[in-house]
Protein backbone atom coordinates (compact mmCIF):
# COMPACT_ATOMS: atom_id res chain seq x y z
CA MET A 1 15.57 4.79 16.91
CA VAL A 2 16.83 1.38 14.96
CA ASN A 3 14.89 -0.96 16.53
CA LEU A 4 13.94 -4.86 15.34
CA PRO A 5 10.42 -3.60 13.74
CA ASN A 6 12.19 -0.81 11.75
CA LEU A 7 15.28 -3.15 10.78
CA ILE A 8 12.35 -5.50 9.14
CA THR A 9 10.75 -2.44 7.59
CA LEU A 10 13.95 -1.25 6.19
CA PHE A 11 14.25 -4.79 4.74
CA ARG A 12 11.11 -4.43 3.09
CA ALA A 13 12.19 -1.19 1.49
CA PHE A 14 15.10 -2.69 0.15
CA LEU A 15 13.31 -5.50 -1.58
CA VAL A 16 11.16 -3.10 -3.42
CA PRO A 17 14.19 -2.56 -6.52
CA VAL A 18 14.40 -6.11 -6.25
CA PHE A 19 10.64 -6.56 -7.24
CA ILE A 20 10.40 -3.82 -9.78
CA MET A 21 13.47 -5.78 -11.67
CA ALA A 22 11.88 -8.97 -11.34
CA VAL A 23 8.90 -7.33 -12.68
CA PHE A 24 10.19 -5.56 -15.49
CA TYR A 25 12.41 -8.23 -16.91
CA ARG A 26 9.04 -10.78 -16.38
CA ASN A 27 10.77 -12.71 -13.68
CA PHE A 28 7.31 -13.22 -12.31
CA LYS A 29 8.39 -16.36 -10.01
CA LEU A 30 11.05 -14.17 -8.41
CA ALA A 31 8.65 -11.08 -8.56
CA LEU A 32 5.95 -13.64 -6.36
CA ALA A 33 8.79 -14.86 -4.06
CA VAL A 34 9.81 -11.21 -2.94
CA PHE A 35 6.47 -10.46 -2.83
CA LEU A 36 5.66 -12.89 -0.34
CA VAL A 37 8.56 -12.02 1.66
CA ALA A 38 8.07 -8.23 1.56
CA SER A 39 3.83 -8.97 2.39
CA VAL A 40 5.00 -11.08 5.26
CA SER A 41 7.58 -8.98 6.45
CA ASP A 42 4.59 -5.91 6.61
CA ALA A 43 2.95 -8.22 8.96
CA LEU A 44 5.67 -9.09 11.30
CA ASP A 45 7.25 -5.61 11.34
CA GLY A 46 3.49 -4.36 12.86
CA PHE A 47 3.08 -7.47 14.92
CA LEU A 48 6.42 -6.72 16.62
CA ALA A 49 6.15 -3.28 16.90
CA ARG A 50 3.02 -3.46 19.06
CA ARG A 51 3.90 -6.68 20.79
CA LEU A 52 7.24 -5.60 21.84
CA ASN A 53 6.37 -1.88 22.51
CA GLN A 54 8.78 -0.68 20.14
CA VAL A 55 6.25 1.71 18.02
CA THR A 56 8.50 4.36 16.91
CA THR A 57 8.30 7.65 14.95
CA LEU A 58 11.01 6.22 12.14
CA GLY A 59 8.64 3.52 11.92
CA VAL A 60 5.46 5.01 11.73
CA ILE A 61 7.24 7.23 9.05
CA LEU A 62 8.54 4.35 7.26
CA ASP A 63 6.37 1.24 6.85
CA PRO A 64 3.48 3.30 5.25
CA ILE A 65 6.06 4.55 2.49
CA ALA A 66 7.55 1.10 2.25
CA ASP A 67 3.71 -0.25 1.65
CA LYS A 68 3.28 2.24 -1.02
CA ALA A 69 6.42 1.37 -2.94
CA LEU A 70 5.88 -2.22 -3.01
CA ILE A 71 1.94 -1.29 -3.82
CA ASN A 72 2.25 1.34 -6.38
CA SER A 73 5.37 -0.24 -8.18
CA GLY A 74 3.69 -3.26 -8.24
CA PHE A 75 0.43 -1.91 -9.85
CA ILE A 76 2.60 0.50 -12.30
CA LEU A 77 4.75 -2.38 -13.55
CA LEU A 78 1.85 -5.00 -13.67
CA SER A 79 0.03 -2.46 -15.98
CA TYR A 80 2.96 -1.57 -17.99
CA VAL A 81 4.18 -5.05 -18.63
CA ASP A 82 1.72 -6.62 -21.28
CA ARG A 83 -1.20 -5.32 -19.54
CA ILE A 84 -1.49 -7.67 -17.14
CA ILE A 85 -3.35 -5.42 -14.72
CA PRO A 86 -5.98 -2.86 -16.11
CA VAL A 87 -4.59 0.48 -16.05
CA TRP A 88 -7.79 2.03 -15.24
CA LEU A 89 -7.15 0.08 -11.79
CA THR A 90 -3.64 1.32 -11.77
CA VAL A 91 -4.63 5.33 -12.24
CA LEU A 92 -7.63 4.43 -9.43
CA VAL A 93 -4.88 3.13 -6.48
CA ILE A 94 -2.34 5.74 -7.62
CA SER A 95 -4.80 8.73 -8.04
CA ARG A 96 -5.82 7.80 -4.16
CA ASP A 97 -2.47 7.65 -2.54
CA ILE A 98 -1.59 10.99 -4.54
CA LEU A 99 -5.25 12.59 -2.64
CA ILE A 100 -4.15 11.24 0.58
CA LEU A 101 -0.73 12.52 0.38
CA VAL A 102 -1.61 16.25 -0.52
CA GLY A 103 -4.50 16.17 1.44
CA GLY A 104 -2.35 14.85 4.44
CA TRP A 105 0.32 17.34 3.64
CA LEU A 106 -2.47 20.18 3.58
CA LEU A 107 -3.69 19.30 6.77
CA THR A 108 -0.23 19.37 8.22
CA ALA A 109 0.30 22.51 6.79
CA PHE A 110 -2.63 24.05 8.34
CA GLY A 111 -1.52 22.73 11.96
CA LYS A 112 -4.91 20.76 11.58
CA ILE A 113 -2.92 17.26 12.26
CA ASN A 114 -0.02 15.60 14.13
CA LYS A 115 -0.34 12.38 13.11
CA ILE A 116 -2.32 10.57 10.43
CA ARG A 117 -4.12 7.21 11.55
CA PRO A 118 -5.13 4.61 8.84
CA THR A 119 -8.72 3.61 8.94
CA LEU A 120 -10.50 0.81 9.12
CA VAL A 121 -11.45 1.26 5.38
CA GLY A 122 -7.73 2.18 4.67
CA LYS A 123 -6.40 -0.88 5.83
CA LEU A 124 -9.05 -2.94 3.87
CA THR A 125 -8.27 -1.14 1.07
CA ALA A 126 -4.20 -1.89 1.35
CA PHE A 127 -5.27 -5.38 1.82
CA SER A 128 -6.98 -5.61 -1.37
CA GLN A 129 -4.52 -4.24 -2.93
CA PHE A 130 -1.79 -6.62 -1.31
CA PHE A 131 -3.96 -9.49 -2.35
CA THR A 132 -4.54 -8.62 -5.81
CA ILE A 133 -0.95 -8.51 -6.79
CA PHE A 134 0.07 -11.43 -5.29
CA LEU A 135 -3.12 -13.16 -6.80
CA THR A 136 -2.28 -11.41 -10.22
CA LEU A 137 1.57 -13.13 -9.75
CA LEU A 138 0.18 -16.12 -8.25
CA ASN A 139 -1.70 -16.67 -11.86
CA LEU A 140 1.06 -15.07 -13.85
CA ASN A 141 3.27 -18.21 -12.54
CA PHE A 142 0.88 -21.05 -12.10
CA LYS A 143 -2.23 -20.24 -13.92
CA VAL A 144 -4.42 -20.78 -10.94
CA CYS A 145 -7.69 -18.43 -11.04
CA LEU A 146 -10.16 -18.25 -13.29
CA SER A 147 -10.47 -14.77 -15.21
CA SER A 148 -13.72 -14.11 -13.08
CA CYS A 149 -11.94 -14.72 -9.69
CA ILE A 150 -8.75 -12.25 -10.95
CA MET A 151 -11.73 -9.69 -12.42
CA THR A 152 -13.45 -10.04 -8.56
CA ALA A 153 -10.41 -9.21 -7.14
CA TYR A 154 -9.87 -5.94 -9.41
CA ALA A 155 -13.60 -4.78 -8.87
CA ILE A 156 -13.05 -5.45 -4.66
CA THR A 157 -9.91 -3.27 -5.03
CA ALA A 158 -11.59 -0.76 -7.29
CA CYS A 159 -14.19 -0.22 -5.32
CA LEU A 160 -12.42 0.04 -1.56
CA THR A 161 -9.97 1.91 -3.60
CA VAL A 162 -12.60 4.58 -4.05
CA ILE A 163 -14.44 4.35 -0.89
CA SER A 164 -11.50 4.78 1.24
CA ALA A 165 -10.19 8.03 -1.01
CA VAL A 166 -14.16 9.33 -0.36
CA SER A 167 -13.52 8.48 3.56
CA TYR A 168 -10.21 10.30 3.66
CA SER A 169 -11.31 12.93 1.45
CA ALA A 170 -14.44 13.84 4.00
CA ARG A 171 -12.01 13.27 7.09
CA GLY A 172 -9.75 15.44 5.61
CA ILE A 173 -12.27 18.10 4.91
CA ARG A 174 -14.00 17.76 8.21
CA GLU A 175 -10.28 18.28 9.82
CA LEU A 176 -9.82 21.27 7.63
CA ASN A 177 -13.43 23.57 8.70
CA SER A 178 -12.74 22.33 12.16
CA GLU A 179 -12.03 25.32 14.54
CA LYS A 180 -9.53 23.85 16.85
CA ILE A 181 -6.48 23.25 15.98
CA SER A 182 -4.53 20.21 17.23
CA GLN A 183 -1.23 20.64 18.96
């Protein structure tokens, strides 16, 4: 079903290529503006879906895809363009997402889950990843952050990314080892 929250999510997904091109061509002001609009739309679509009681299967699928497309493209490109974000951090972020994707696929293939729900640490990780990209773009445009501020954001994001990868892995292993199969 297409509703307002889903349209906002689709809008965010369509912003991803604009964001990619802006970063690739080093138009960091446009990249920051697009990233801010996309980030606000992420909060808005979720709020509206819950508030208007319009949570749909389409939205549950599209929202994390749009988020991951924005976050992963941000990390990849900001690592690629002048090594702005350290490559090691990008590898951590992408590896976690691949781990979660493969784990979710395995759980689904074995009939262990019908719906993957984010955990609190997963939500904190996503927030820290969004914030790291935002802070990086803000610094590129306005030189407002000291390097220690940026390094702290990288460290927090790295720690949360690892913690959530371990958490999701442990949760997935428990599900795979459980005798009961969800219907």
